[in-house]
Amino acid sequence: MFLNLPGLRNSNQDHWQSVWERQYPEHFLRVIQDDWEMPQRTKWVSRLQEYIARYTPHEVVLVGHSVGCATVLHWYQQYQIPVKAALLVAPSDVDHPQYPSYIQGFSPMPLVRMPFPTVVVASDDDHVISLDRAQFFADSWGSELELLNRAGHIEVPWNGAEKLWQSWL
């Protein structure tokens, strides 16, 4: 099972997470948060744990976008439960001095090496995170880094994305 963790304001119908859920409903499930406008780490991490508890953890792939990536890292830091893998797309730089204050409790970003396969997907022109920070996070987490050119904050489907997760089916 793939658990989708959208970021701020959820993912609209054209977002790659929504597209995957429609195309592969038997594989993708969205983790529904109570407040998409003002994310709070403790609530988002607890909700993720509620969903993971429904499955055998080593059969779960976590698919985070933006602050959803930070949710994955904080969840692992708190629960230390290995899952099958994690796909971390356009992670937010929650430690940036200009990071929005209404996104609460996600700083500092955990820099723990993950004991399961992880891939960080980053764009060279993302306004939410610099490529250097994305590389730093990928190195810290022990992740493979996939670089996209001029993909912004990676909110629309991109070519070749399915190859990143199909091997985890």
N, C-alpha and C. Protein backbone atom coordinates (compact mmCIF):
# COMPACT_ATOMS: atom_id res chain seq x y z
N MET A 1 0.84 -1.18 0.00
CA MET A 1 0.00 0.00 0.00
C MET A 1 0.89 1.24 0.00
N PHE A 2 0.50 2.21 -0.82
CA PHE A 2 1.19 3.49 -0.88
C PHE A 2 0.34 4.51 -0.15
N LEU A 3 0.91 5.14 0.87
CA LEU A 3 0.20 6.18 1.61
C LEU A 3 0.69 7.54 1.14
N ASN A 4 -0.21 8.30 0.51
CA ASN A 4 0.10 9.63 0.02
C ASN A 4 -0.01 10.65 1.15
N LEU A 5 1.04 11.45 1.30
CA LEU A 5 1.06 12.51 2.31
C LEU A 5 1.23 13.85 1.61
N PRO A 6 0.12 14.49 1.24
CA PRO A 6 0.23 15.80 0.60
C PRO A 6 0.78 16.84 1.56
N GLY A 7 1.13 17.97 1.01
CA GLY A 7 1.60 19.08 1.83
C GLY A 7 0.49 20.08 2.11
N LEU A 8 0.91 21.29 2.36
CA LEU A 8 0.00 22.40 2.66
C LEU A 8 -1.13 22.47 1.63
N ARG A 9 -2.34 22.65 2.10
CA ARG A 9 -3.54 22.81 1.29
C ARG A 9 -3.94 21.55 0.49
N ASN A 10 -3.35 20.40 0.87
CA ASN A 10 -3.71 19.15 0.22
C ASN A 10 -3.23 19.18 -1.23
N SER A 11 -3.58 18.23 -2.02
CA SER A 11 -3.19 18.18 -3.43
C SER A 11 -4.43 18.26 -4.30
N ASN A 12 -4.46 19.24 -5.20
CA ASN A 12 -5.65 19.40 -6.04
C ASN A 12 -5.77 18.27 -7.05
N GLN A 13 -6.83 18.28 -7.85
CA GLN A 13 -7.11 17.15 -8.75
C GLN A 13 -6.06 16.96 -9.84
N ASP A 14 -5.29 18.00 -10.16
CA ASP A 14 -4.27 17.88 -11.19
C ASP A 14 -2.90 17.51 -10.63
N HIS A 15 -2.76 17.48 -9.32
CA HIS A 15 -1.50 17.16 -8.66
C HIS A 15 -1.17 15.69 -8.92
N TRP A 16 0.11 15.38 -9.04
CA TRP A 16 0.52 14.00 -9.34
C TRP A 16 0.01 13.00 -8.30
N GLN A 17 -0.10 13.41 -7.02
CA GLN A 17 -0.61 12.46 -6.01
C GLN A 17 -2.07 12.11 -6.30
N SER A 18 -2.86 13.10 -6.68
CA SER A 18 -4.27 12.87 -7.01
C SER A 18 -4.41 12.03 -8.27
N VAL A 19 -3.56 12.31 -9.25
CA VAL A 19 -3.58 11.53 -10.49
C VAL A 19 -3.28 10.06 -10.19
N TRP A 20 -2.25 9.80 -9.38
CA TRP A 20 -1.91 8.41 -9.05
C TRP A 20 -3.05 7.73 -8.30
N GLU A 21 -3.70 8.44 -7.40
CA GLU A 21 -4.82 7.85 -6.66
C GLU A 21 -5.96 7.46 -7.59
N ARG A 22 -6.23 8.30 -8.60
CA ARG A 22 -7.29 7.97 -9.57
C ARG A 22 -6.88 6.82 -10.48
N GLN A 23 -5.62 6.82 -10.93
CA GLN A 23 -5.17 5.80 -11.85
C GLN A 23 -4.96 4.44 -11.18
N TYR A 24 -4.56 4.45 -9.92
CA TYR A 24 -4.21 3.22 -9.22
C TYR A 24 -4.88 3.17 -7.84
N PRO A 25 -6.22 3.19 -7.81
CA PRO A 25 -6.91 3.26 -6.50
C PRO A 25 -6.66 2.05 -5.61
N GLU A 26 -6.25 0.94 -6.21
CA GLU A 26 -5.97 -0.25 -5.40
C GLU A 26 -4.62 -0.16 -4.69
N HIS A 27 -3.79 0.80 -5.07
CA HIS A 27 -2.45 0.93 -4.50
C HIS A 27 -2.25 2.20 -3.66
N PHE A 28 -2.94 3.29 -4.00
CA PHE A 28 -2.68 4.59 -3.36
C PHE A 28 -3.84 5.04 -2.49
N LEU A 29 -3.50 5.45 -1.28
CA LEU A 29 -4.48 5.97 -0.33
C LEU A 29 -3.94 7.26 0.27
N ARG A 30 -4.76 8.29 0.30
CA ARG A 30 -4.35 9.58 0.87
C ARG A 30 -4.54 9.58 2.38
N VAL A 31 -3.53 10.06 3.09
CA VAL A 31 -3.64 10.30 4.53
C VAL A 31 -4.37 11.63 4.68
N ILE A 32 -5.56 11.59 5.25
CA ILE A 32 -6.39 12.79 5.37
C ILE A 32 -6.08 13.48 6.70
N GLN A 33 -5.69 14.74 6.60
CA GLN A 33 -5.40 15.55 7.78
C GLN A 33 -6.63 16.40 8.12
N ASP A 34 -6.77 16.77 9.39
CA ASP A 34 -7.90 17.60 9.81
C ASP A 34 -7.77 19.04 9.35
N ASP A 35 -6.55 19.54 9.27
CA ASP A 35 -6.33 20.95 8.92
C ASP A 35 -5.23 21.05 7.87
N TRP A 36 -5.63 21.27 6.62
CA TRP A 36 -4.68 21.39 5.52
C TRP A 36 -4.09 22.80 5.43
N GLU A 37 -4.70 23.77 6.08
CA GLU A 37 -4.25 25.17 5.97
C GLU A 37 -3.20 25.55 7.02
N MET A 38 -3.22 24.88 8.16
CA MET A 38 -2.29 25.18 9.24
C MET A 38 -1.71 23.88 9.79
N PRO A 39 -0.80 23.26 9.06
CA PRO A 39 -0.25 21.97 9.50
C PRO A 39 0.44 22.08 10.86
N GLN A 40 0.17 21.10 11.70
CA GLN A 40 0.82 20.99 13.00
C GLN A 40 1.49 19.62 13.07
N ARG A 41 2.78 19.62 13.34
CA ARG A 41 3.55 18.38 13.32
C ARG A 41 2.93 17.27 14.17
N THR A 42 2.61 17.57 15.40
CA THR A 42 2.11 16.50 16.28
C THR A 42 0.84 15.86 15.73
N LYS A 43 -0.05 16.66 15.20
CA LYS A 43 -1.31 16.12 14.65
C LYS A 43 -1.07 15.36 13.36
N TRP A 44 -0.21 15.91 12.49
CA TRP A 44 0.04 15.24 11.21
C TRP A 44 0.77 13.93 11.43
N VAL A 45 1.73 13.89 12.32
CA VAL A 45 2.47 12.66 12.59
C VAL A 45 1.55 11.62 13.23
N SER A 46 0.72 12.03 14.16
CA SER A 46 -0.22 11.09 14.79
C SER A 46 -1.18 10.50 13.77
N ARG A 47 -1.66 11.33 12.86
CA ARG A 47 -2.57 10.83 11.83
C ARG A 47 -1.87 9.83 10.93
N LEU A 48 -0.64 10.11 10.56
CA LEU A 48 0.12 9.15 9.75
C LEU A 48 0.24 7.82 10.48
N GLN A 49 0.55 7.86 11.77
CA GLN A 49 0.68 6.62 12.54
C GLN A 49 -0.65 5.86 12.57
N GLU A 50 -1.77 6.56 12.65
CA GLU A 50 -3.07 5.89 12.61
C GLU A 50 -3.24 5.09 11.32
N TYR A 51 -2.84 5.68 10.21
CA TYR A 51 -2.95 4.99 8.92
C TYR A 51 -1.98 3.81 8.84
N ILE A 52 -0.74 4.01 9.25
CA ILE A 52 0.24 2.94 9.18
C ILE A 52 -0.18 1.75 10.03
N ALA A 53 -0.81 2.02 11.16
CA ALA A 53 -1.25 0.96 12.07
C ALA A 53 -2.29 0.03 11.42
N ARG A 54 -2.91 0.46 10.34
CA ARG A 54 -3.91 -0.36 9.64
C ARG A 54 -3.27 -1.44 8.77
N TYR A 55 -1.96 -1.33 8.53
CA TYR A 55 -1.27 -2.21 7.59
C TYR A 55 -0.06 -2.85 8.25
N THR A 56 0.52 -3.82 7.57
CA THR A 56 1.79 -4.37 7.98
C THR A 56 2.85 -3.36 7.52
N PRO A 57 3.60 -2.74 8.44
CA PRO A 57 4.51 -1.65 8.06
C PRO A 57 5.48 -1.97 6.94
N HIS A 58 6.02 -3.20 6.90
CA HIS A 58 6.99 -3.51 5.84
C HIS A 58 6.35 -3.64 4.46
N GLU A 59 5.02 -3.48 4.39
CA GLU A 59 4.31 -3.47 3.11
C GLU A 59 3.86 -2.06 2.71
N VAL A 60 4.22 -1.06 3.50
CA VAL A 60 3.78 0.32 3.27
C VAL A 60 4.90 1.14 2.63
N VAL A 61 4.53 1.89 1.59
CA VAL A 61 5.43 2.87 0.98
C VAL A 61 4.84 4.25 1.27
N LEU A 62 5.64 5.11 1.85
CA LEU A 62 5.19 6.47 2.16
C LEU A 62 5.56 7.39 1.00
N VAL A 63 4.61 8.20 0.56
CA VAL A 63 4.80 9.08 -0.59
C VAL A 63 4.49 10.51 -0.15
N GLY A 64 5.53 11.25 0.21
CA GLY A 64 5.35 12.60 0.73
C GLY A 64 5.62 13.67 -0.31
N HIS A 65 4.89 14.77 -0.18
CA HIS A 65 5.15 15.96 -0.98
C HIS A 65 5.25 17.15 -0.04
N SER A 66 6.30 17.95 -0.21
CA SER A 66 6.50 19.19 0.53
C SER A 66 6.53 18.94 2.03
N VAL A 67 5.63 19.56 2.79
CA VAL A 67 5.64 19.34 4.24
C VAL A 67 5.21 17.90 4.58
N GLY A 68 4.62 17.20 3.63
CA GLY A 68 4.36 15.77 3.82
C GLY A 68 5.65 14.98 3.99
N CYS A 69 6.74 15.45 3.34
CA CYS A 69 8.05 14.80 3.53
C CYS A 69 8.53 14.98 4.96
N ALA A 70 8.39 16.21 5.48
CA ALA A 70 8.79 16.47 6.87
C ALA A 70 7.96 15.61 7.82
N THR A 71 6.70 15.39 7.49
CA THR A 71 5.85 14.53 8.30
C THR A 71 6.43 13.12 8.36
N VAL A 72 6.87 12.60 7.22
CA VAL A 72 7.47 11.27 7.18
C VAL A 72 8.69 11.20 8.09
N LEU A 73 9.58 12.19 8.01
CA LEU A 73 10.80 12.17 8.81
C LEU A 73 10.51 12.29 10.30
N HIS A 74 9.59 13.16 10.66
CA HIS A 74 9.22 13.28 12.08
C HIS A 74 8.53 12.01 12.57
N TRP A 75 7.70 11.40 11.72
CA TRP A 75 7.04 10.15 12.09
C TRP A 75 8.10 9.09 12.39
N TYR A 76 9.07 8.94 11.47
CA TYR A 76 10.07 7.90 11.69
C TYR A 76 10.90 8.20 12.94
N GLN A 77 11.27 9.45 13.13
CA GLN A 77 12.05 9.82 14.31
C GLN A 77 11.30 9.46 15.60
N GLN A 78 10.00 9.64 15.59
CA GLN A 78 9.19 9.37 16.79
C GLN A 78 8.92 7.88 16.98
N TYR A 79 8.55 7.17 15.93
CA TYR A 79 8.09 5.79 16.06
C TYR A 79 9.14 4.74 15.74
N GLN A 80 10.15 5.08 14.94
CA GLN A 80 11.23 4.14 14.58
C GLN A 80 10.69 2.83 14.00
N ILE A 81 9.65 2.92 13.19
CA ILE A 81 9.07 1.74 12.55
C ILE A 81 9.52 1.71 11.10
N PRO A 82 10.29 0.72 10.70
CA PRO A 82 10.69 0.65 9.29
C PRO A 82 9.50 0.31 8.40
N VAL A 83 9.41 0.99 7.28
CA VAL A 83 8.41 0.69 6.27
C VAL A 83 9.15 0.14 5.06
N LYS A 84 8.42 -0.20 4.01
CA LYS A 84 9.03 -0.76 2.82
C LYS A 84 9.93 0.25 2.12
N ALA A 85 9.46 1.50 1.98
CA ALA A 85 10.23 2.53 1.28
C ALA A 85 9.52 3.87 1.46
N ALA A 86 10.21 4.93 1.01
CA ALA A 86 9.59 6.26 1.02
C ALA A 86 10.04 7.03 -0.22
N LEU A 87 9.08 7.69 -0.84
CA LEU A 87 9.33 8.59 -1.96
C LEU A 87 9.05 10.00 -1.43
N LEU A 88 10.08 10.84 -1.42
CA LEU A 88 10.00 12.16 -0.80
C LEU A 88 10.19 13.21 -1.90
N VAL A 89 9.09 13.82 -2.31
CA VAL A 89 9.10 14.70 -3.48
C VAL A 89 9.00 16.16 -3.04
N ALA A 90 9.97 16.96 -3.50
CA ALA A 90 10.01 18.40 -3.23
C ALA A 90 9.88 18.68 -1.73
N PRO A 91 10.79 18.13 -0.93
CA PRO A 91 10.68 18.37 0.52
C PRO A 91 10.79 19.86 0.84
N SER A 92 10.02 20.28 1.82
CA SER A 92 10.09 21.67 2.27
C SER A 92 11.33 21.86 3.13
N ASP A 93 11.92 23.03 3.02
CA ASP A 93 13.03 23.38 3.91
C ASP A 93 12.44 24.05 5.14
N VAL A 94 11.98 23.23 6.07
CA VAL A 94 11.28 23.74 7.26
C VAL A 94 12.19 24.54 8.18
N ASP A 95 13.50 24.48 7.95
CA ASP A 95 14.46 25.23 8.76
C ASP A 95 14.79 26.60 8.18
N HIS A 96 14.29 26.90 7.00
CA HIS A 96 14.58 28.19 6.36
C HIS A 96 14.01 29.33 7.20
N PRO A 97 14.76 30.41 7.40
CA PRO A 97 14.28 31.52 8.24
C PRO A 97 12.96 32.14 7.77
N GLN A 98 12.64 32.02 6.48
CA GLN A 98 11.40 32.60 5.97
C GLN A 98 10.30 31.56 5.79
N TYR A 99 10.47 30.38 6.39
CA TYR A 99 9.44 29.36 6.28
C TYR A 99 8.18 29.85 6.98
N PRO A 100 7.00 29.61 6.42
CA PRO A 100 5.75 30.14 7.01
C PRO A 100 5.53 29.69 8.46
N SER A 101 5.22 30.64 9.30
CA SER A 101 5.03 30.35 10.73
C SER A 101 3.75 29.57 11.02
N TYR A 102 2.79 29.59 10.10
CA TYR A 102 1.54 28.86 10.33
C TYR A 102 1.71 27.35 10.10
N ILE A 103 2.86 26.94 9.59
CA ILE A 103 3.21 25.52 9.51
C ILE A 103 4.04 25.24 10.75
N GLN A 104 3.44 24.59 11.75
CA GLN A 104 3.98 24.58 13.10
C GLN A 104 4.66 23.27 13.51
N GLY A 105 5.85 23.43 14.08
CA GLY A 105 6.51 22.33 14.77
C GLY A 105 7.36 21.41 13.90
N PHE A 106 7.53 21.71 12.63
CA PHE A 106 8.28 20.81 11.76
C PHE A 106 9.78 21.07 11.76
N SER A 107 10.20 22.19 12.33
CA SER A 107 11.62 22.51 12.45
C SER A 107 12.08 22.14 13.86
N PRO A 108 13.25 21.56 13.98
CA PRO A 108 14.23 21.25 12.94
C PRO A 108 13.86 19.98 12.18
N MET A 109 14.29 19.96 10.92
CA MET A 109 14.07 18.78 10.09
C MET A 109 14.94 17.64 10.62
N PRO A 110 14.37 16.48 10.90
CA PRO A 110 15.19 15.34 11.32
C PRO A 110 16.20 14.97 10.23
N LEU A 111 17.41 14.68 10.66
CA LEU A 111 18.47 14.32 9.73
C LEU A 111 18.92 12.89 9.97
N VAL A 112 17.98 12.04 10.29
CA VAL A 112 18.24 10.64 10.59
C VAL A 112 18.35 9.83 9.30
N ARG A 113 19.31 8.93 9.27
CA ARG A 113 19.46 8.03 8.12
C ARG A 113 18.35 6.99 8.19
N MET A 114 17.64 6.84 7.10
CA MET A 114 16.50 5.93 7.07
C MET A 114 16.99 4.50 6.82
N PRO A 115 16.44 3.51 7.54
CA PRO A 115 16.89 2.12 7.36
C PRO A 115 16.12 1.38 6.27
N PHE A 116 15.47 2.10 5.39
CA PHE A 116 14.73 1.51 4.28
C PHE A 116 14.98 2.39 3.06
N PRO A 117 14.73 1.88 1.86
CA PRO A 117 15.02 2.65 0.65
C PRO A 117 14.21 3.95 0.59
N THR A 118 14.89 5.03 0.23
CA THR A 118 14.23 6.32 0.06
C THR A 118 14.78 7.00 -1.18
N VAL A 119 13.89 7.71 -1.85
CA VAL A 119 14.26 8.52 -3.00
C VAL A 119 13.74 9.92 -2.75
N VAL A 120 14.62 10.91 -2.90
CA VAL A 120 14.23 12.31 -2.85
C VAL A 120 14.17 12.81 -4.29
N VAL A 121 13.06 13.42 -4.65
CA VAL A 121 12.91 14.02 -5.97
C VAL A 121 12.91 15.52 -5.77
N ALA A 122 13.81 16.21 -6.48
CA ALA A 122 13.94 17.66 -6.33
C ALA A 122 14.05 18.32 -7.69
N SER A 123 13.66 19.56 -7.74
CA SER A 123 13.76 20.36 -8.96
C SER A 123 14.84 21.42 -8.79
N ASP A 124 15.48 21.77 -9.89
CA ASP A 124 16.53 22.79 -9.82
C ASP A 124 15.98 24.21 -9.71
N ASP A 125 14.65 24.38 -9.74
CA ASP A 125 14.08 25.72 -9.60
C ASP A 125 12.89 25.75 -8.63
N ASP A 126 12.95 24.92 -7.59
CA ASP A 126 11.88 24.87 -6.58
C ASP A 126 12.00 26.10 -5.68
N HIS A 127 10.90 26.83 -5.52
CA HIS A 127 10.90 28.03 -4.66
C HIS A 127 10.82 27.69 -3.17
N VAL A 128 10.57 26.42 -2.84
CA VAL A 128 10.41 26.02 -1.45
C VAL A 128 11.71 25.45 -0.86
N ILE A 129 12.60 24.98 -1.72
CA ILE A 129 13.86 24.41 -1.25
C ILE A 129 14.93 24.57 -2.33
N SER A 130 16.12 24.93 -1.91
CA SER A 130 17.23 25.03 -2.86
C SER A 130 17.73 23.63 -3.19
N LEU A 131 18.38 23.51 -4.33
CA LEU A 131 18.93 22.23 -4.73
C LEU A 131 20.00 21.77 -3.74
N ASP A 132 20.79 22.71 -3.21
CA ASP A 132 21.81 22.35 -2.21
C ASP A 132 21.18 21.74 -0.96
N ARG A 133 20.07 22.33 -0.49
CA ARG A 133 19.39 21.79 0.70
C ARG A 133 18.77 20.43 0.40
N ALA A 134 18.19 20.28 -0.79
CA ALA A 134 17.61 18.99 -1.15
C ALA A 134 18.70 17.91 -1.17
N GLN A 135 19.86 18.25 -1.70
CA GLN A 135 20.99 17.31 -1.73
C GLN A 135 21.44 16.99 -0.31
N PHE A 136 21.52 18.02 0.55
CA PHE A 136 21.90 17.82 1.95
C PHE A 136 20.93 16.87 2.65
N PHE A 137 19.62 17.10 2.45
CA PHE A 137 18.63 16.22 3.06
C PHE A 137 18.78 14.80 2.53
N ALA A 138 18.89 14.65 1.22
CA ALA A 138 19.03 13.32 0.63
C ALA A 138 20.25 12.59 1.21
N ASP A 139 21.37 13.29 1.31
CA ASP A 139 22.58 12.68 1.88
C ASP A 139 22.35 12.30 3.34
N SER A 140 21.72 13.17 4.11
CA SER A 140 21.48 12.91 5.54
C SER A 140 20.56 11.71 5.75
N TRP A 141 19.57 11.56 4.89
CA TRP A 141 18.59 10.49 5.03
C TRP A 141 19.05 9.18 4.38
N GLY A 142 20.18 9.23 3.65
CA GLY A 142 20.64 8.05 2.93
C GLY A 142 19.81 7.77 1.69
N SER A 143 19.29 8.84 1.09
CA SER A 143 18.37 8.72 -0.04
C SER A 143 19.09 8.87 -1.38
N GLU A 144 18.54 8.22 -2.36
CA GLU A 144 18.91 8.48 -3.75
C GLU A 144 18.26 9.82 -4.13
N LEU A 145 18.95 10.64 -4.92
CA LEU A 145 18.39 11.92 -5.36
C LEU A 145 18.09 11.86 -6.85
N GLU A 146 16.84 12.14 -7.19
CA GLU A 146 16.41 12.27 -8.58
C GLU A 146 16.21 13.76 -8.84
N LEU A 147 16.89 14.29 -9.84
CA LEU A 147 16.82 15.72 -10.15
C LEU A 147 15.96 15.95 -11.38
N LEU A 148 15.00 16.88 -11.25
CA LEU A 148 14.17 17.30 -12.38
C LEU A 148 14.56 18.72 -12.76
N ASN A 149 14.58 18.98 -14.04
CA ASN A 149 14.90 20.32 -14.52
C ASN A 149 13.64 21.16 -14.71
N ARG A 150 13.68 22.34 -14.15
CA ARG A 150 12.60 23.33 -14.30
C ARG A 150 11.22 22.75 -14.00
N ALA A 151 11.11 22.04 -12.91
CA ALA A 151 9.83 21.43 -12.52
C ALA A 151 9.18 22.17 -11.35
N GLY A 152 9.78 23.29 -10.92
CA GLY A 152 9.19 24.07 -9.83
C GLY A 152 9.06 23.24 -8.56
N HIS A 153 7.91 23.35 -7.92
CA HIS A 153 7.65 22.63 -6.67
C HIS A 153 7.07 21.23 -6.93
N ILE A 154 7.14 20.78 -8.15
CA ILE A 154 6.75 19.42 -8.56
C ILE A 154 5.32 19.09 -8.12
N GLU A 155 4.39 19.81 -8.69
CA GLU A 155 2.99 19.59 -8.34
C GLU A 155 2.19 18.92 -9.44
N VAL A 156 2.74 18.86 -10.64
CA VAL A 156 2.04 18.22 -11.76
C VAL A 156 2.79 16.93 -12.11
N PRO A 157 2.12 16.00 -12.78
CA PRO A 157 2.80 14.76 -13.16
C PRO A 157 4.05 15.03 -13.99
N TRP A 158 5.05 14.16 -13.84
CA TRP A 158 6.29 14.31 -14.59
C TRP A 158 6.64 12.99 -15.25
N ASN A 159 7.33 13.08 -16.37
CA ASN A 159 7.72 11.90 -17.12
C ASN A 159 8.64 11.01 -16.29
N GLY A 160 8.40 9.75 -16.36
CA GLY A 160 9.27 8.79 -15.68
C GLY A 160 8.99 8.60 -14.21
N ALA A 161 7.97 9.26 -13.66
CA ALA A 161 7.71 9.17 -12.23
C ALA A 161 7.34 7.75 -11.79
N GLU A 162 6.58 7.07 -12.61
CA GLU A 162 6.11 5.74 -12.21
C GLU A 162 7.25 4.76 -11.99
N LYS A 163 8.35 4.94 -12.72
CA LYS A 163 9.47 4.01 -12.53
C LYS A 163 10.05 4.13 -11.13
N LEU A 164 9.81 5.28 -10.46
CA LEU A 164 10.34 5.47 -9.11
C LEU A 164 9.60 4.62 -8.08
N TRP A 165 8.34 4.31 -8.34
CA TRP A 165 7.58 3.57 -7.33
C TRP A 165 7.17 2.18 -7.77
N GLN A 166 7.12 1.89 -9.07
CA GLN A 166 6.62 0.59 -9.50
C GLN A 166 7.47 -0.58 -9.01
N SER A 167 8.74 -0.35 -8.79
CA SER A 167 9.58 -1.45 -8.28
C SER A 167 9.24 -1.80 -6.84
N TRP A 168 8.48 -0.93 -6.16
CA TRP A 168 8.09 -1.20 -4.78
C TRP A 168 6.72 -1.86 -4.66
N LEU A 169 6.08 -2.13 -5.79
CA LEU A 169 4.75 -2.79 -5.74
C LEU A 169 4.86 -4.18 -5.13
